Protein backbone atom coordinates (compact mmCIF):
# COMPACT_ATOMS: atom_id res chain seq x y z
CA MET A 1 -18.06 59.55 -167.83
CA SER A 2 -16.84 57.80 -164.69
CA LEU A 3 -17.46 57.82 -160.95
CA GLN A 4 -14.71 59.05 -158.63
CA LEU A 5 -15.81 57.44 -155.37
CA THR A 6 -17.80 54.43 -156.71
CA ARG A 7 -18.85 53.53 -153.14
CA LEU A 8 -20.59 55.63 -150.49
CA LEU A 9 -21.18 55.34 -146.76
CA THR A 10 -24.92 55.59 -146.11
CA ASP A 11 -27.13 55.10 -143.07
CA LEU A 12 -27.98 51.67 -144.50
CA GLY A 13 -24.33 50.68 -144.80
CA GLU A 14 -21.67 50.89 -147.49
CA LYS A 15 -23.23 50.95 -150.95
CA SER A 16 -22.13 51.35 -154.52
CA SER A 17 -23.05 54.78 -155.86
CA TYR A 18 -25.65 53.13 -158.08
CA ASP A 19 -27.23 51.20 -155.20
CA ALA A 20 -27.24 54.34 -153.06
CA ALA A 21 -29.17 56.22 -155.76
CA SER A 22 -31.46 53.22 -156.24
CA GLN A 23 -32.51 53.34 -152.58
CA CYS A 24 -34.71 56.29 -153.55
CA CYS A 25 -38.24 54.91 -154.05
CA ARG A 26 -39.57 58.26 -155.33
CA CYS A 27 -42.11 58.56 -152.51
CA GLY A 28 -41.88 62.36 -152.42
CA TYR A 29 -41.47 62.87 -148.66
CA CYS A 30 -38.33 64.87 -149.45
CA GLU A 31 -39.98 67.41 -151.71
CA GLN A 32 -41.32 69.89 -149.14
CA ALA A 33 -37.97 69.73 -147.34
CA CYS A 34 -36.06 70.71 -150.50
CA PRO A 35 -35.64 74.50 -150.79
CA THR A 36 -35.13 74.49 -154.55
CA TYR A 37 -38.26 72.41 -155.13
CA VAL A 38 -40.29 74.59 -152.74
CA ILE A 39 -39.16 77.71 -154.61
CA THR A 40 -39.52 76.40 -158.19
CA GLY A 41 -41.89 73.38 -158.10
CA ASN A 42 -39.55 71.79 -160.67
CA GLU A 43 -39.33 67.99 -160.30
CA SER A 44 -35.75 67.84 -161.58
CA ARG A 45 -34.85 70.29 -158.78
CA SER A 46 -36.17 67.94 -156.09
CA ALA A 47 -34.18 65.27 -154.29
CA ARG A 48 -36.02 62.36 -155.87
CA GLY A 49 -35.62 63.94 -159.30
CA ARG A 50 -31.89 64.36 -158.77
CA ASN A 51 -31.44 60.80 -157.56
CA GLN A 52 -33.17 59.52 -160.67
CA LEU A 53 -30.98 61.69 -162.90
CA VAL A 54 -27.83 60.19 -161.38
CA ARG A 55 -29.25 56.68 -161.67
CA LEU A 56 -29.98 57.28 -165.36
CA LEU A 57 -26.49 58.72 -165.89
CA ILE A 58 -24.88 55.63 -164.38
CA GLU A 59 -27.11 53.37 -166.48
CA GLY A 60 -26.24 55.37 -169.61
CA LYS A 61 -29.91 55.93 -170.36
CA LEU A 62 -29.83 59.70 -170.82
CA ALA A 63 -29.61 60.46 -174.53
CA GLU A 64 -28.34 63.93 -173.64
CA PRO A 65 -26.36 63.65 -170.37
CA ALA A 66 -25.97 67.44 -170.28
CA SER A 67 -29.74 67.66 -169.70
CA ALA A 68 -29.06 66.54 -166.11
CA GLN A 69 -26.83 69.53 -165.45
CA ASP A 70 -29.47 71.99 -164.27
CA GLY A 71 -30.97 69.55 -161.79
CA LEU A 72 -27.61 68.56 -160.33
CA GLU A 73 -25.90 71.96 -160.32
CA THR A 74 -28.84 73.66 -158.59
CA CYS A 75 -28.73 71.28 -155.60
CA LEU A 76 -27.76 73.08 -152.39
CA LEU A 77 -26.26 69.88 -150.89
CA CYS A 78 -28.05 70.93 -147.70
CA GLY A 79 -29.09 67.40 -146.70
CA ALA A 80 -32.64 68.37 -145.70
CA CYS A 81 -33.95 65.67 -148.04
CA THR A 82 -31.90 62.98 -146.29
CA ALA A 83 -33.17 64.11 -142.90
CA ALA A 84 -36.76 63.84 -144.18
CA CYS A 85 -36.22 60.49 -145.94
CA TYR A 86 -37.23 57.23 -144.25
CA ALA A 87 -34.42 55.41 -146.08
CA ARG A 88 -31.93 58.24 -145.36
CA VAL A 89 -30.90 58.34 -149.03
CA ALA A 90 -27.54 60.15 -149.25
CA THR A 91 -28.68 62.58 -151.94
CA ALA A 92 -25.90 65.16 -151.49
CA ASP A 93 -23.12 62.62 -152.08
CA ILE A 94 -25.08 61.07 -154.94
CA VAL A 95 -25.51 64.48 -156.58
CA LEU A 96 -21.78 65.16 -156.24
CA GLU A 97 -21.05 61.86 -157.98
CA GLY A 98 -23.38 62.94 -160.78
CA ARG A 99 -21.68 66.30 -161.11
CA ARG A 100 -18.29 64.64 -161.37
CA MET A 101 -19.62 62.35 -164.11
CA LEU A 102 -20.76 65.36 -166.13
CA ARG A 103 -17.46 67.22 -165.79
CA ALA A 104 -14.59 66.02 -167.93
CA LYS A 105 -12.40 67.77 -165.38
CA PRO A 106 -12.97 70.32 -162.58
CA HIS A 107 -13.35 74.01 -163.46
CA TRP A 108 -9.88 75.49 -163.75
CA LEU A 109 -10.49 77.99 -160.93
CA ALA A 110 -11.76 75.29 -158.53
CA ARG A 111 -8.81 73.13 -159.53
CA LEU A 112 -6.37 76.00 -158.93
CA LEU A 113 -7.77 76.79 -155.48
CA SER A 114 -7.82 73.11 -154.64
CA ARG A 115 -4.15 72.70 -155.60
CA LEU A 116 -3.12 75.87 -153.77
CA MET A 117 -4.80 74.66 -150.60
CA ALA A 118 -3.30 71.20 -150.94
CA GLU A 119 0.25 72.14 -151.93
CA HIS A 120 0.91 75.88 -151.63
CA ARG A 121 -0.95 77.24 -148.62
CA GLY A 122 1.65 79.96 -148.00
CA GLY A 123 1.31 81.22 -151.56
CA LEU A 124 -2.47 81.21 -151.23
CA ALA A 125 -2.24 83.26 -148.03
CA LEU A 126 -0.05 85.86 -149.77
CA MET A 127 -2.51 86.08 -152.66
CA LEU A 128 -5.46 86.50 -150.30
CA LYS A 129 -3.68 89.23 -148.34
CA ALA A 130 -2.92 91.10 -151.56
CA ALA A 131 -6.56 90.78 -152.59
CA ASN A 132 -7.74 91.99 -149.18
CA ARG A 133 -5.45 95.03 -149.35
CA ALA A 134 -6.86 95.81 -152.77
CA LYS A 135 -10.41 95.36 -151.43
CA ARG A 136 -9.74 97.79 -148.58
CA LEU A 137 -8.58 100.32 -151.14
CA GLY A 138 -11.69 99.76 -153.25
CA LEU A 139 -9.70 98.38 -156.16
CA THR A 140 -11.31 94.93 -156.35
CA ALA A 141 -14.71 96.49 -157.08
CA LEU A 142 -13.18 97.83 -160.29
CA ALA A 143 -12.34 94.28 -161.32
CA ARG A 144 -15.95 93.05 -161.25
CA PRO A 145 -16.75 93.97 -164.90
CA VAL A 146 -13.52 92.31 -166.02
CA LEU A 147 -14.32 89.12 -164.08
CA ARG A 148 -17.75 88.97 -165.68
CA LEU A 149 -16.24 89.60 -169.10
CA ILE A 150 -13.78 86.71 -168.79
CA GLY A 151 -16.49 84.28 -167.67
CA LEU A 152 -16.14 84.46 -163.88
CA PRO A 153 -19.40 86.12 -162.80
CA GLY A 154 -19.45 84.02 -159.63
CA LEU A 155 -16.11 85.42 -158.54
CA ALA A 156 -17.35 88.94 -159.20
CA LEU A 157 -20.41 88.27 -157.08
CA ALA A 158 -18.28 86.76 -154.32
CA GLU A 159 -16.15 89.91 -154.22
CA GLU A 160 -19.31 91.97 -153.89
CA HIS A 161 -20.91 89.82 -151.15
CA VAL A 162 -17.88 89.14 -148.95
CA LYS A 163 -17.27 92.27 -146.88
CA GLU A 164 -14.53 91.09 -144.53
CA ALA A 165 -10.92 91.70 -145.61
CA PRO A 166 -8.54 90.73 -142.77
CA LEU A 167 -4.83 91.39 -143.18
CA THR A 168 -3.83 89.06 -140.34
CA PHE A 169 -5.13 85.53 -140.61
CA LEU A 170 -6.30 83.36 -137.75
CA TYR A 171 -3.48 80.82 -137.99
CA GLU A 172 -0.95 83.65 -137.59
CA ILE A 173 -2.68 84.81 -134.41
CA LEU A 174 -3.01 81.32 -132.95
CA ARG A 175 0.59 80.34 -133.68
CA ARG A 176 1.64 83.03 -131.20
CA ARG A 177 -0.26 81.34 -128.38
CA PRO A 178 1.81 79.41 -125.82
CA ARG A 179 1.52 75.65 -126.23
CA ALA A 180 -0.30 73.78 -123.46
CA ALA A 181 1.65 70.84 -122.03
CA LYS A 182 -1.55 68.89 -121.27
CA PRO A 183 -4.19 70.21 -123.68
CA GLN A 184 -7.83 69.54 -122.86
CA TRP A 185 -8.90 70.26 -126.43
CA LEU A 186 -7.54 70.93 -129.92
CA TYR A 187 -8.84 73.62 -132.23
CA PHE A 188 -9.26 73.01 -135.97
CA ALA A 189 -9.34 76.27 -137.93
CA PRO A 190 -11.61 75.97 -141.00
CA CYS A 191 -10.73 78.17 -143.97
CA GLY A 192 -13.65 80.55 -143.31
CA PRO A 193 -12.56 81.58 -139.81
CA ASN A 194 -8.92 81.25 -140.87
CA PHE A 195 -8.93 83.58 -143.85
CA LEU A 196 -12.23 85.49 -143.61
CA TYR A 197 -13.48 85.66 -140.01
CA PRO A 198 -10.54 85.45 -137.59
CA ARG A 199 -12.81 86.99 -134.95
CA VAL A 200 -14.92 83.81 -135.02
CA GLY A 201 -11.93 81.55 -134.37
CA GLN A 202 -10.67 83.80 -131.59
CA ALA A 203 -14.11 83.70 -129.97
CA THR A 204 -14.20 79.89 -130.19
CA VAL A 205 -10.79 79.58 -128.57
CA ALA A 206 -11.76 82.00 -125.78
CA VAL A 207 -14.91 79.99 -125.06
CA LEU A 208 -13.02 76.68 -125.09
CA GLU A 209 -10.52 78.07 -122.60
CA SER A 210 -13.33 79.23 -120.33
CA LEU A 211 -15.21 75.93 -120.49
CA ARG A 212 -12.44 73.35 -120.70
CA GLY A 213 -9.15 74.91 -119.68
CA GLU A 214 -5.97 74.93 -121.74
CA GLY A 215 -5.82 73.67 -125.30
CA ASN A 216 -3.83 73.89 -128.51
CA PHE A 217 -4.28 74.95 -132.11
CA LEU A 218 -3.83 71.99 -134.47
CA ASP A 219 -2.28 74.26 -137.14
CA ASN A 220 -4.22 72.26 -139.68
CA ASP A 221 -4.58 72.35 -143.44
CA CYS A 222 -7.86 72.95 -145.29
CA CYS A 223 -10.37 70.19 -144.50
CA GLY A 224 -10.66 69.38 -148.22
CA LEU A 225 -14.35 70.22 -148.67
CA LEU A 226 -13.71 72.67 -151.51
CA ALA A 227 -11.77 70.02 -153.41
CA TYR A 228 -14.42 67.39 -152.67
CA ASN A 229 -17.31 69.55 -153.87
CA TYR A 230 -15.75 71.47 -156.75
CA GLY A 231 -12.25 70.20 -157.46
CA ASP A 232 -10.56 66.82 -157.29
CA VAL A 233 -11.31 64.06 -154.79
CA GLU A 234 -7.62 63.14 -154.73
CA ASP A 235 -6.79 66.61 -153.39
CA ALA A 236 -9.43 66.10 -150.69
CA ARG A 237 -7.81 62.78 -149.76
CA ALA A 238 -4.35 64.35 -149.59
CA LEU A 239 -5.61 67.07 -147.24
CA ALA A 240 -7.48 64.53 -145.12
CA ARG A 241 -4.34 62.40 -144.72
CA ARG A 242 -2.37 65.45 -143.65
CA ASN A 243 -4.93 66.52 -141.07
CA ILE A 244 -5.30 63.01 -139.67
CA ALA A 245 -1.52 62.66 -139.34
CA ARG A 246 -1.26 66.06 -137.64
CA PHE A 247 -3.99 65.10 -135.19
CA GLU A 248 -2.21 61.85 -134.38
CA ALA A 249 1.08 63.70 -133.87
CA ALA A 250 -0.73 66.03 -131.44
CA GLY A 251 -1.71 63.07 -129.29
CA GLY A 252 -4.67 61.65 -131.19
CA THR A 253 -7.23 62.45 -128.52
CA GLY A 254 -10.12 64.84 -128.68
CA PRO A 255 -12.11 66.80 -128.64
CA LEU A 256 -11.01 68.38 -131.91
CA VAL A 257 -13.30 71.41 -132.22
CA GLY A 258 -14.09 73.34 -135.41
CA ASP A 259 -16.36 76.33 -135.93
CA CYS A 260 -17.65 76.08 -139.49
CA SER A 261 -20.37 73.44 -139.53
CA SER A 262 -19.85 72.55 -143.19
CA CYS A 263 -16.18 71.84 -142.62
CA VAL A 264 -16.81 69.98 -139.38
CA ALA A 265 -19.40 67.75 -141.07
CA PHE A 266 -16.84 66.97 -143.77
CA LEU A 267 -14.18 66.14 -141.17
CA LYS A 268 -16.65 63.66 -139.67
CA SER A 269 -17.12 62.11 -143.12
CA TYR A 270 -13.40 61.41 -143.72
CA PRO A 271 -13.87 57.60 -143.53
CA GLN A 272 -15.82 57.73 -146.81
CA LEU A 273 -12.69 58.94 -148.61
CA PHE A 274 -10.80 55.76 -147.66
CA LEU A 275 -13.21 52.88 -148.25
CA SER A 276 -10.60 51.11 -150.37
CA GLU A 277 -7.74 51.77 -147.91
CA PRO A 278 -8.46 49.85 -144.66
CA ASP A 279 -5.61 51.32 -142.62
CA TRP A 280 -6.45 54.91 -143.52
CA LYS A 281 -10.15 54.19 -143.01
CA ARG A 282 -9.44 53.08 -139.42
CA ARG A 283 -7.33 56.16 -138.80
CA ALA A 284 -10.05 58.36 -140.35
CA GLU A 285 -12.67 56.76 -138.10
CA ARG A 286 -10.62 57.52 -134.97
CA PHE A 287 -10.14 61.08 -136.20
CA ALA A 288 -13.83 61.58 -137.03
CA ALA A 289 -14.89 60.27 -133.62
CA ALA A 290 -12.88 63.04 -131.94
CA VAL A 291 -14.36 65.91 -134.00
CA GLN A 292 -16.92 68.25 -132.44
CA ASP A 293 -18.82 71.26 -133.74
CA VAL A 294 -19.40 74.38 -131.66
CA PRO A 295 -23.09 73.58 -130.96
CA GLN A 296 -21.97 70.28 -129.38
CA VAL A 297 -19.49 72.07 -127.15
CA LEU A 298 -21.97 74.71 -126.03
CA ALA A 299 -25.14 72.65 -125.65
CA ASP A 300 -24.67 71.67 -122.01
CA ALA A 301 -22.76 74.72 -120.78
CA SER A 302 -24.30 77.00 -118.20
CA TRP A 303 -23.96 80.71 -118.87
CA PRO A 304 -24.64 84.04 -117.30
CA GLU A 305 -27.39 85.37 -119.55
CA ALA A 306 -25.81 87.61 -122.20
CA ASP A 307 -27.09 91.15 -122.66
CA LEU A 308 -28.54 90.72 -126.14
CA PRO A 309 -31.23 92.35 -128.25
CA THR A 310 -34.08 90.19 -129.54
CA THR A 311 -32.24 87.16 -130.92
CA THR A 312 -33.07 84.22 -133.17
CA TYR A 313 -31.15 81.28 -134.62
CA HIS A 314 -30.63 79.95 -138.15
CA ASP A 315 -29.54 76.31 -138.30
CA SER A 316 -26.54 75.73 -140.51
CA CYS A 317 -27.58 72.87 -142.80
CA ARG A 318 -24.47 70.82 -142.14
CA ALA A 319 -24.93 71.13 -138.37
CA CYS A 320 -28.65 70.41 -138.44
CA HIS A 321 -29.01 67.87 -141.27
CA GLY A 322 -25.40 66.75 -141.66
CA GLN A 323 -24.60 66.20 -137.98
CA GLY A 324 -27.99 66.06 -136.24
CA LEU A 325 -27.17 69.00 -133.96
CA LYS A 326 -30.40 71.00 -134.12
CA GLU A 327 -31.31 70.33 -130.49
CA ASP A 328 -27.76 71.08 -129.34
CA ALA A 329 -27.69 74.40 -131.18
CA HIS A 330 -31.08 75.48 -129.90
CA ALA A 331 -30.24 74.47 -126.33
CA ALA A 332 -27.10 76.59 -126.54
CA ILE A 333 -28.79 79.67 -127.97
CA ARG A 334 -31.69 79.48 -125.51
CA ARG A 335 -29.24 79.45 -122.61
CA LEU A 336 -27.23 82.31 -124.10
CA ALA A 337 -30.08 84.60 -125.11
CA GLY A 338 -32.56 83.77 -122.35
CA ALA A 339 -35.71 85.88 -122.48
CA SER A 340 -34.52 87.70 -125.60
CA TYR A 341 -34.65 84.50 -127.71
CA ARG A 342 -37.32 84.03 -130.39
CA GLU A 343 -37.76 80.76 -132.29
CA LEU A 344 -37.24 81.15 -136.06
CA PRO A 345 -39.88 79.56 -138.34
CA GLU A 346 -38.19 77.24 -140.87
CA SER A 347 -34.93 77.63 -138.94
CA ASP A 348 -33.60 74.45 -140.57
CA MET A 349 -34.30 75.51 -144.17
CA CYS A 350 -31.18 76.50 -146.12
CA CYS A 351 -30.40 80.20 -146.47
CA GLY A 352 -29.04 79.70 -149.99
CA GLY A 353 -25.37 80.28 -149.17
CA ALA A 354 -24.21 76.67 -149.42
CA GLY A 355 -20.51 77.24 -150.07
CA ALA A 356 -20.11 78.74 -153.53
CA TYR A 357 -23.78 78.18 -154.44
CA ALA A 358 -24.80 81.82 -153.94
CA PHE A 359 -22.18 82.88 -156.47
CA LEU A 360 -22.91 80.14 -159.02
CA ASN A 361 -26.73 80.24 -158.81
CA PRO A 362 -27.46 83.86 -157.83
CA GLY A 363 -31.09 83.95 -158.93
CA LEU A 364 -32.21 80.89 -156.96
CA SER A 365 -30.01 81.86 -154.04
CA ASP A 366 -31.66 85.27 -153.83
CA GLU A 367 -35.14 83.74 -153.80
CA ILE A 368 -34.08 81.45 -150.95
CA ILE A 369 -32.45 84.18 -148.84
CA LYS A 370 -35.45 86.46 -149.39
CA ARG A 371 -37.68 83.77 -147.86
CA LYS A 372 -35.24 83.26 -144.98
CA VAL A 373 -34.96 86.98 -144.20
CA GLY A 374 -38.75 87.23 -144.25
CA ARG A 375 -38.92 84.57 -141.54
CA ILE A 376 -36.27 86.40 -139.50
CA ALA A 377 -38.22 89.66 -139.80
CA GLU A 378 -41.35 87.86 -138.53
CA THR A 379 -39.56 87.27 -135.20
CA GLY A 380 -38.64 90.93 -134.82
CA ALA A 381 -35.06 89.86 -134.19
CA ARG A 382 -32.24 92.36 -134.24
CA LEU A 383 -29.62 89.62 -134.09
CA VAL A 384 -29.46 86.19 -135.73
CA ALA A 385 -26.84 83.59 -134.84
CA THR A 386 -25.58 80.66 -136.91
CA SER A 387 -22.61 78.27 -137.08
CA GLY A 388 -21.46 78.13 -140.72
CA THR A 389 -19.20 80.42 -142.74
CA SER A 390 -21.32 80.50 -145.88
CA CYS A 391 -24.37 81.21 -143.67
CA LEU A 392 -22.56 84.21 -142.19
CA ILE A 393 -21.79 85.56 -145.67
CA GLN A 394 -25.25 84.86 -147.10
CA LEU A 395 -27.21 86.17 -144.12
CA ALA A 396 -25.07 89.30 -143.91
CA GLN A 397 -25.77 90.27 -147.52
CA GLY A 398 -29.42 89.17 -147.36
CA LEU A 399 -30.10 91.14 -144.19
CA LYS A 400 -28.39 94.22 -145.59
CA LYS A 401 -30.58 93.98 -148.67
CA TYR A 402 -33.95 93.03 -147.16
CA TYR A 403 -33.86 93.65 -143.37
CA PRO A 404 -30.97 95.95 -142.39
CA GLU A 405 -32.21 96.34 -138.81
CA CYS A 406 -30.77 92.90 -138.03
CA GLU A 407 -27.17 91.63 -137.91
CA VAL A 408 -25.68 88.12 -137.99
CA LEU A 409 -23.02 86.68 -135.67
CA HIS A 410 -21.51 83.27 -135.13
CA LEU A 411 -22.73 81.24 -132.16
CA SER A 412 -19.18 81.33 -130.75
CA GLU A 413 -19.26 85.12 -130.75
CA LEU A 414 -22.41 85.16 -128.63
CA ALA A 415 -20.86 82.64 -126.24
CA ALA A 416 -17.71 84.79 -126.02
CA ARG A 417 -19.91 87.76 -125.08
CA ALA A 418 -21.43 85.70 -122.27
CA VAL A 419 -17.96 84.62 -121.11
CA ALA A 420 -16.75 88.24 -121.08
CA GLN A 421 -19.88 89.40 -119.28
CA GLY A 422 -19.54 86.61 -116.73
CA ALA A 423 -15.92 87.55 -116.10
CA LYS A 424 -17.00 91.15 -115.57
CA ASP A 425 -19.75 90.09 -113.15
CA GLY A 426 -17.63 87.46 -111.44
CA THR A 427 -19.80 84.60 -112.73
CA PRO A 428 -17.72 82.15 -114.78
CA ALA A 429 -19.24 79.98 -117.48
CA GLY A 430 -19.10 76.27 -116.86
CA ALA A 431 -20.44 72.90 -117.80
């Protein structure tokens, strides 16, 4: 077993992975912030339990290293523990290091997707379009028993949960836009809006144009988060280098705006990938400093109040805990929804989507989304907004199952409604 990163960037400075895990003093302040501990009461499914498991793995003191698997694989990587921790222990990155130690190599499917995103994006797009055509015809549902039979139950569950099946991807739409000679912003298309929710990316671009004038699409690659979490760190580095170079070629000035909070948080963490490469680390730091998430862009904007039903807001973990944008997001939604806004209890507790988590840990994920939907129902909301792709997927299926009177939309989509309404009324949005 070996570490892939060996060193991590933490709030207390650059640390070895072992020292980062050792910062945990096992005080327990994290436990009530951890959704999996709250649901199960299992110590190994708490942040402090997971940090100790990784520490023991690095020390070689676990007689059966595989015994750490449940604790590490059930982590949501939501970062709520770090936000609650006085020492800001970087539990999510520590857990990922532990997972990599336990895996001789990445799962073949994660590795395949990682390589396709890194080296064969066009081929991946063709495959996804073929799958979406099949989904529209109802053929992919027939494949679910086969996927379960061959050991891919998570993929079968993903096919069942993901309802969107676009045949035109966001990057194809945005490539047709005229290029601005003096762009005031650049748009980074995360894979979720790119391949799953083009409507979200189109809404973000429309809002950026209304607020900040002309801008350009970066025509970026995948941010590398899938590779970092499930595949190979080297693939994540290759994608990061490509995106940094593309940003520099586009002028190297921000803001560079993305609209999936998980991906944006990872873009901001690029310097951690290059701790042993000083030149690339400097370039990654300049890149990360230019990156903005949608809640940042919308926080200070003034809007004509949108005509919305009773509305609430679920904080994407990587916006709230990963980027510290809870106040920004809530300022934006309060301005957009006005009198129709209702505060969501436990708005910053994970919904259980967490990337591929819902498909790999369906039982725990369902318990978490059931709790989240219960809180949404308490508000009487008919609409819930959020800023992450996996949140959109998870909330959509959870609401359909437990509270079908409510729908979920991206924060950009609500802002685009306000922009359109303002244009109709002659009241433009502005900062």
